[in-house]
N, C-alpha and C. Protein backbone atom coordinates (compact mmCIF):
# COMPACT_ATOMS: atom_id res chain seq x y z
N MET A 1 25.23 -40.95 -36.08
CA MET A 1 25.26 -40.74 -34.69
C MET A 1 25.50 -42.05 -34.12
N SER A 2 26.63 -41.71 -33.05
CA SER A 2 27.04 -43.12 -32.36
C SER A 2 26.03 -43.36 -31.37
N ASN A 3 26.32 -44.67 -30.88
CA ASN A 3 25.42 -45.24 -29.95
C ASN A 3 25.44 -44.43 -28.42
N ASN A 4 26.58 -43.67 -28.35
CA ASN A 4 26.56 -42.91 -26.93
C ASN A 4 26.28 -41.54 -27.02
N ASN A 5 25.66 -41.02 -28.40
CA ASN A 5 25.46 -39.65 -28.54
C ASN A 5 24.04 -39.40 -27.88
N TRP A 6 24.01 -38.01 -27.22
CA TRP A 6 22.67 -37.78 -26.46
C TRP A 6 22.33 -36.31 -26.59
N VAL A 7 21.08 -36.04 -26.31
CA VAL A 7 20.51 -34.78 -26.25
C VAL A 7 20.17 -34.45 -25.04
N GLY A 8 20.62 -33.12 -24.39
CA GLY A 8 20.45 -32.58 -23.14
C GLY A 8 19.08 -31.67 -23.24
N VAL A 9 18.42 -32.04 -22.15
CA VAL A 9 17.12 -31.30 -21.99
C VAL A 9 17.29 -30.61 -20.60
N ASP A 10 17.25 -29.24 -20.47
CA ASP A 10 17.08 -28.63 -19.24
C ASP A 10 15.50 -28.85 -18.59
N LEU A 11 15.65 -28.87 -17.24
CA LEU A 11 14.27 -29.18 -16.57
C LEU A 11 13.51 -27.92 -16.62
N ASP A 12 14.04 -27.06 -15.38
CA ASP A 12 13.14 -25.74 -15.03
C ASP A 12 13.15 -24.82 -16.17
N GLY A 13 12.09 -24.46 -16.78
CA GLY A 13 11.84 -23.45 -17.74
C GLY A 13 11.83 -23.88 -19.12
N THR A 14 12.25 -25.33 -19.22
CA THR A 14 12.25 -25.86 -20.54
C THR A 14 11.33 -27.13 -20.59
N LEU A 15 11.60 -27.90 -19.71
CA LEU A 15 10.52 -29.24 -19.63
C LEU A 15 9.56 -29.14 -18.61
N ALA A 16 9.81 -28.25 -17.66
CA ALA A 16 8.88 -28.13 -16.50
C ALA A 16 8.83 -26.42 -16.28
N HIS A 17 7.45 -25.96 -16.12
CA HIS A 17 7.11 -24.57 -15.70
C HIS A 17 7.90 -24.35 -14.61
N TYR A 18 8.60 -23.04 -14.78
CA TYR A 18 9.38 -22.42 -13.72
C TYR A 18 9.03 -21.09 -13.36
N ASP A 19 8.59 -20.74 -12.16
CA ASP A 19 8.43 -19.22 -11.78
C ASP A 19 9.57 -18.71 -10.79
N GLU A 20 9.56 -19.47 -9.81
CA GLU A 20 10.75 -19.13 -8.86
C GLU A 20 11.28 -20.52 -8.10
N TRP A 21 12.30 -20.35 -7.32
CA TRP A 21 12.72 -21.48 -6.56
C TRP A 21 11.78 -21.79 -5.39
N LYS A 22 11.20 -22.96 -5.21
CA LYS A 22 10.22 -23.28 -4.20
C LYS A 22 10.68 -24.48 -3.51
N GLY A 23 12.15 -24.71 -3.49
CA GLY A 23 12.46 -25.89 -2.83
C GLY A 23 12.80 -27.28 -3.64
N ILE A 24 13.57 -28.12 -3.22
CA ILE A 24 14.12 -29.24 -3.96
C ILE A 24 12.87 -30.28 -4.22
N GLU A 25 11.84 -30.25 -3.52
CA GLU A 25 10.76 -30.91 -3.96
C GLU A 25 9.80 -30.67 -4.85
N HIS A 26 9.72 -29.15 -5.27
CA HIS A 26 8.89 -28.66 -6.13
C HIS A 26 9.56 -28.64 -7.56
N ILE A 27 8.76 -29.37 -8.40
CA ILE A 27 8.99 -28.99 -9.95
C ILE A 27 7.63 -28.64 -10.48
N GLY A 28 7.72 -27.74 -11.39
CA GLY A 28 6.54 -27.15 -11.99
C GLY A 28 5.80 -28.21 -13.05
N GLU A 29 4.54 -27.71 -13.43
CA GLU A 29 3.94 -28.65 -14.16
C GLU A 29 4.58 -28.78 -15.67
N PRO A 30 4.41 -29.87 -16.36
CA PRO A 30 5.08 -30.00 -17.65
C PRO A 30 4.70 -29.33 -18.65
N ILE A 31 5.72 -28.82 -19.57
CA ILE A 31 5.50 -27.95 -20.58
C ILE A 31 5.42 -29.00 -21.71
N GLN A 32 3.90 -29.11 -22.13
CA GLN A 32 3.66 -30.19 -23.10
C GLN A 32 4.26 -30.27 -24.55
N PRO A 33 4.59 -29.04 -25.20
CA PRO A 33 5.35 -29.45 -26.36
C PRO A 33 6.89 -30.06 -26.09
N MET A 34 7.34 -29.63 -25.23
CA MET A 34 8.71 -30.03 -24.94
C MET A 34 8.51 -31.75 -24.53
N MET A 35 7.52 -31.94 -23.72
CA MET A 35 7.27 -33.24 -23.20
C MET A 35 7.06 -34.25 -24.29
N ALA A 36 6.17 -33.75 -25.38
CA ALA A 36 6.05 -34.53 -26.60
C ALA A 36 7.22 -34.71 -27.35
N ARG A 37 7.96 -33.76 -27.50
CA ARG A 37 9.36 -33.80 -28.27
C ARG A 37 10.19 -34.85 -27.56
N VAL A 38 10.28 -34.81 -26.08
CA VAL A 38 11.30 -35.85 -25.52
C VAL A 38 10.58 -37.25 -25.74
N ASN A 39 9.41 -37.33 -25.43
CA ASN A 39 8.69 -38.63 -25.60
C ASN A 39 9.01 -39.20 -27.05
N ALA A 40 8.93 -38.40 -28.07
CA ALA A 40 8.94 -38.83 -29.44
C ALA A 40 10.61 -39.22 -29.63
N TRP A 41 11.58 -38.45 -29.06
CA TRP A 41 12.95 -38.88 -29.05
C TRP A 41 13.20 -40.38 -28.29
N VAL A 42 12.67 -40.25 -27.33
CA VAL A 42 12.98 -41.47 -26.53
C VAL A 42 12.35 -42.82 -27.19
N SER A 43 11.21 -42.56 -27.92
CA SER A 43 10.50 -43.82 -28.53
C SER A 43 11.34 -44.04 -29.83
N LYS A 44 12.11 -43.12 -30.27
CA LYS A 44 13.13 -43.33 -31.40
C LYS A 44 14.42 -43.97 -31.26
N GLY A 45 14.34 -44.05 -29.82
CA GLY A 45 15.83 -44.71 -29.33
C GLY A 45 16.93 -43.67 -29.19
N VAL A 46 16.52 -42.35 -29.22
CA VAL A 46 17.67 -41.30 -28.75
C VAL A 46 17.79 -41.16 -27.44
N ILE A 47 18.94 -41.36 -27.01
CA ILE A 47 19.49 -40.90 -25.66
C ILE A 47 19.21 -39.57 -25.21
N VAL A 48 18.39 -39.27 -24.11
CA VAL A 48 17.98 -38.15 -23.74
C VAL A 48 18.33 -37.96 -22.19
N LYS A 49 19.10 -36.86 -21.95
CA LYS A 49 19.40 -36.70 -20.52
C LYS A 49 18.72 -35.31 -20.03
N ILE A 50 18.46 -35.50 -18.85
CA ILE A 50 17.82 -33.90 -18.14
C ILE A 50 19.27 -33.35 -17.71
N PHE A 51 19.55 -32.24 -18.40
CA PHE A 51 20.74 -31.58 -18.00
C PHE A 51 20.39 -30.11 -17.09
N THR A 52 20.49 -30.40 -15.84
CA THR A 52 20.09 -29.33 -14.84
C THR A 52 20.98 -28.95 -13.77
N ALA A 53 21.14 -27.77 -13.47
CA ALA A 53 21.97 -27.38 -12.35
C ALA A 53 21.44 -28.20 -11.05
N ARG A 54 20.25 -28.62 -11.00
CA ARG A 54 19.73 -29.32 -9.84
C ARG A 54 20.64 -30.61 -9.56
N ALA A 55 21.27 -31.12 -10.51
CA ALA A 55 22.21 -32.34 -10.57
C ALA A 55 23.36 -32.08 -9.73
N SER A 56 23.80 -30.79 -9.38
CA SER A 56 24.95 -30.55 -8.67
C SER A 56 24.59 -30.89 -7.26
N VAL A 57 23.37 -31.18 -6.92
CA VAL A 57 23.00 -31.63 -5.49
C VAL A 57 22.44 -32.93 -5.57
N PRO A 58 23.25 -34.14 -5.37
CA PRO A 58 22.67 -35.32 -5.73
C PRO A 58 21.33 -35.81 -5.08
N GLU A 59 21.04 -35.13 -3.74
CA GLU A 59 19.82 -35.39 -3.18
C GLU A 59 18.55 -34.90 -3.86
N GLN A 60 18.80 -33.92 -5.09
CA GLN A 60 17.67 -33.49 -5.71
C GLN A 60 17.22 -34.68 -6.87
N ILE A 61 18.14 -35.45 -7.19
CA ILE A 61 17.77 -36.40 -8.48
C ILE A 61 16.67 -37.40 -8.24
N PRO A 62 16.60 -37.71 -7.08
CA PRO A 62 15.32 -38.67 -6.91
C PRO A 62 14.04 -37.99 -7.18
N PHE A 63 13.90 -36.53 -6.73
CA PHE A 63 12.70 -35.83 -7.06
C PHE A 63 12.39 -35.83 -8.61
N ILE A 64 13.55 -35.60 -9.18
CA ILE A 64 13.49 -35.25 -10.71
C ILE A 64 12.92 -36.64 -11.32
N HIS A 65 13.59 -37.73 -10.99
CA HIS A 65 13.13 -39.23 -11.28
C HIS A 65 11.62 -39.30 -11.24
N ASP A 66 11.24 -39.11 -9.86
CA ASP A 66 9.71 -39.12 -9.50
C ASP A 66 9.04 -38.37 -10.67
N TRP A 67 9.48 -37.18 -10.84
CA TRP A 67 8.77 -36.06 -11.61
C TRP A 67 8.54 -36.69 -13.05
N LEU A 68 9.58 -37.11 -13.40
CA LEU A 68 9.58 -37.80 -14.84
C LEU A 68 8.62 -38.84 -14.99
N GLU A 69 8.67 -39.65 -14.15
CA GLU A 69 7.84 -40.99 -14.15
C GLU A 69 6.39 -40.54 -13.81
N LYS A 70 6.02 -39.71 -12.93
CA LYS A 70 4.77 -39.28 -12.80
C LYS A 70 4.11 -38.59 -14.13
N HIS A 71 4.89 -38.02 -14.97
CA HIS A 71 4.39 -37.36 -16.12
C HIS A 71 4.73 -38.23 -17.48
N GLY A 72 5.02 -39.45 -17.26
CA GLY A 72 4.86 -40.35 -18.33
C GLY A 72 6.39 -40.61 -18.98
N LEU A 73 7.42 -40.15 -18.49
CA LEU A 73 8.73 -40.29 -19.17
C LEU A 73 9.54 -41.34 -18.34
N PRO A 74 10.43 -42.03 -18.80
CA PRO A 74 11.14 -43.01 -18.20
C PRO A 74 12.10 -41.98 -17.15
N ARG A 75 12.82 -42.99 -16.26
CA ARG A 75 13.74 -42.20 -15.27
C ARG A 75 14.90 -41.94 -16.06
N LEU A 76 14.98 -41.01 -16.74
CA LEU A 76 16.13 -40.46 -17.61
C LEU A 76 17.37 -40.25 -16.93
N GLU A 77 18.49 -40.33 -17.31
CA GLU A 77 19.70 -40.03 -16.69
C GLU A 77 19.68 -38.28 -16.39
N VAL A 78 20.12 -37.97 -15.20
CA VAL A 78 20.05 -36.57 -14.82
C VAL A 78 21.44 -36.14 -14.67
N THR A 79 22.01 -34.95 -15.13
CA THR A 79 23.55 -34.51 -15.07
C THR A 79 23.49 -33.13 -15.23
N ASN A 80 24.63 -32.58 -14.81
CA ASN A 80 24.94 -31.18 -15.10
C ASN A 80 26.33 -30.97 -15.61
N ILE A 81 26.83 -32.32 -16.47
CA ILE A 81 28.08 -32.37 -16.91
C ILE A 81 27.95 -32.69 -18.53
N LYS A 82 28.56 -31.74 -19.25
CA LYS A 82 28.63 -31.85 -20.56
C LYS A 82 29.65 -32.62 -21.01
N ASP A 83 29.51 -33.76 -22.21
CA ASP A 83 30.58 -34.19 -22.63
C ASP A 83 30.76 -34.36 -24.04
N PHE A 84 31.49 -34.94 -24.64
CA PHE A 84 31.79 -34.81 -26.12
C PHE A 84 30.76 -35.61 -26.90
N ALA A 85 29.92 -36.30 -26.17
CA ALA A 85 28.89 -37.05 -26.94
C ALA A 85 27.43 -36.30 -27.04
N MET A 86 27.50 -35.25 -26.38
CA MET A 86 26.07 -34.34 -26.36
C MET A 86 26.20 -33.63 -27.68
N LEU A 87 25.06 -34.02 -28.36
CA LEU A 87 24.72 -33.56 -29.71
C LEU A 87 24.21 -32.18 -29.73
N GLU A 88 23.19 -31.82 -28.84
CA GLU A 88 22.79 -30.65 -28.73
C GLU A 88 22.05 -30.38 -27.21
N LEU A 89 21.92 -29.12 -27.01
CA LEU A 89 21.15 -28.91 -25.37
C LEU A 89 19.95 -27.83 -25.79
N TRP A 90 18.88 -28.38 -25.30
CA TRP A 90 17.52 -27.51 -25.23
C TRP A 90 17.31 -26.94 -23.79
N ASP A 91 17.63 -25.57 -23.89
CA ASP A 91 17.72 -24.80 -22.60
C ASP A 91 16.96 -23.50 -22.70
N ASP A 92 16.49 -23.13 -21.68
CA ASP A 92 15.70 -21.64 -21.72
C ASP A 92 16.75 -20.49 -21.49
N ARG A 93 18.11 -20.92 -21.04
CA ARG A 93 18.91 -19.70 -20.82
C ARG A 93 20.05 -19.73 -21.87
N CYS A 94 20.29 -20.61 -22.62
CA CYS A 94 21.45 -20.51 -23.63
C CYS A 94 21.38 -19.83 -24.82
N ILE A 95 22.45 -19.17 -25.20
CA ILE A 95 22.50 -18.45 -26.32
C ILE A 95 23.58 -18.97 -27.50
N GLN A 96 23.04 -19.40 -28.47
CA GLN A 96 23.77 -20.31 -29.52
C GLN A 96 24.71 -19.35 -30.20
N VAL A 97 25.89 -19.67 -30.42
CA VAL A 97 26.83 -18.88 -31.13
C VAL A 97 27.36 -19.74 -32.38
N VAL A 98 27.83 -19.04 -33.26
CA VAL A 98 28.28 -19.68 -34.67
C VAL A 98 29.85 -20.27 -34.33
N SER A 99 29.97 -21.57 -34.30
CA SER A 99 31.29 -22.07 -34.32
C SER A 99 32.29 -21.32 -34.54
N ASN A 100 33.30 -21.38 -33.64
CA ASN A 100 34.52 -20.74 -33.92
C ASN A 100 34.73 -19.20 -34.15
N THR A 101 33.61 -18.50 -33.74
CA THR A 101 33.43 -16.98 -34.03
C THR A 101 33.24 -16.34 -32.93
N GLY A 102 32.52 -16.91 -31.75
CA GLY A 102 31.93 -16.12 -30.74
C GLY A 102 30.73 -15.22 -30.86
N MET A 103 30.12 -15.39 -32.10
CA MET A 103 29.11 -14.50 -32.58
C MET A 103 27.84 -15.39 -32.45
N PRO A 104 26.84 -14.48 -31.86
CA PRO A 104 25.61 -15.17 -31.54
C PRO A 104 24.89 -15.46 -32.89
N ILE A 105 24.17 -16.52 -32.78
CA ILE A 105 23.20 -16.84 -33.97
C ILE A 105 22.26 -15.78 -34.15
N SER A 106 21.39 -15.47 -33.22
CA SER A 106 20.40 -14.43 -33.18
C SER A 106 21.01 -12.99 -32.51
N GLU A 107 20.26 -12.19 -32.66
CA GLU A 107 20.55 -10.82 -32.17
C GLU A 107 20.03 -10.84 -30.55
N ARG A 108 19.56 -11.67 -30.18
CA ARG A 108 19.09 -11.80 -28.84
C ARG A 108 20.31 -11.53 -27.89
N CYS A 109 20.24 -10.52 -27.10
CA CYS A 109 21.36 -10.36 -26.04
C CYS A 109 20.82 -10.43 -24.68
N SER A 110 21.83 -10.80 -23.73
CA SER A 110 21.65 -11.00 -22.36
C SER A 110 21.49 -9.71 -21.78
N ALA A 111 20.45 -9.28 -20.81
CA ALA A 111 20.40 -8.27 -20.06
C ALA A 111 21.37 -8.45 -18.72
N ALA A 112 21.60 -9.73 -18.45
CA ALA A 112 22.52 -10.15 -17.40
C ALA A 112 23.93 -9.68 -17.58
N VAL A 113 24.41 -9.81 -18.84
CA VAL A 113 25.92 -9.58 -19.10
C VAL A 113 25.95 -8.27 -19.96
N PRO A 114 26.60 -7.16 -19.51
CA PRO A 114 26.79 -5.92 -20.37
C PRO A 114 27.61 -6.18 -21.72
């Protein structure tokens, strides 16, 4: 792993409980297994970035930083941009595919896309 490699962690529905959009100031309660995982990565020196659509509106980032700090995490970088250094993404909406095939790893299929 190079020095700039990182792990992306989605906020809503992955790191924080999410029911529905309640405004930029509202972020749900922490999801403890994911919080523990992120804390372990950070303590081992892994670069973790919060990978969220909320980052597309810069005014939302301070609320995310405050939420992280309130729940015992450092003010991790917040982004919505994937780059070549991203090792993996933990997200409640993604479906992993087998490289170079377009085939899903699991049989889970999306109801949103026919």
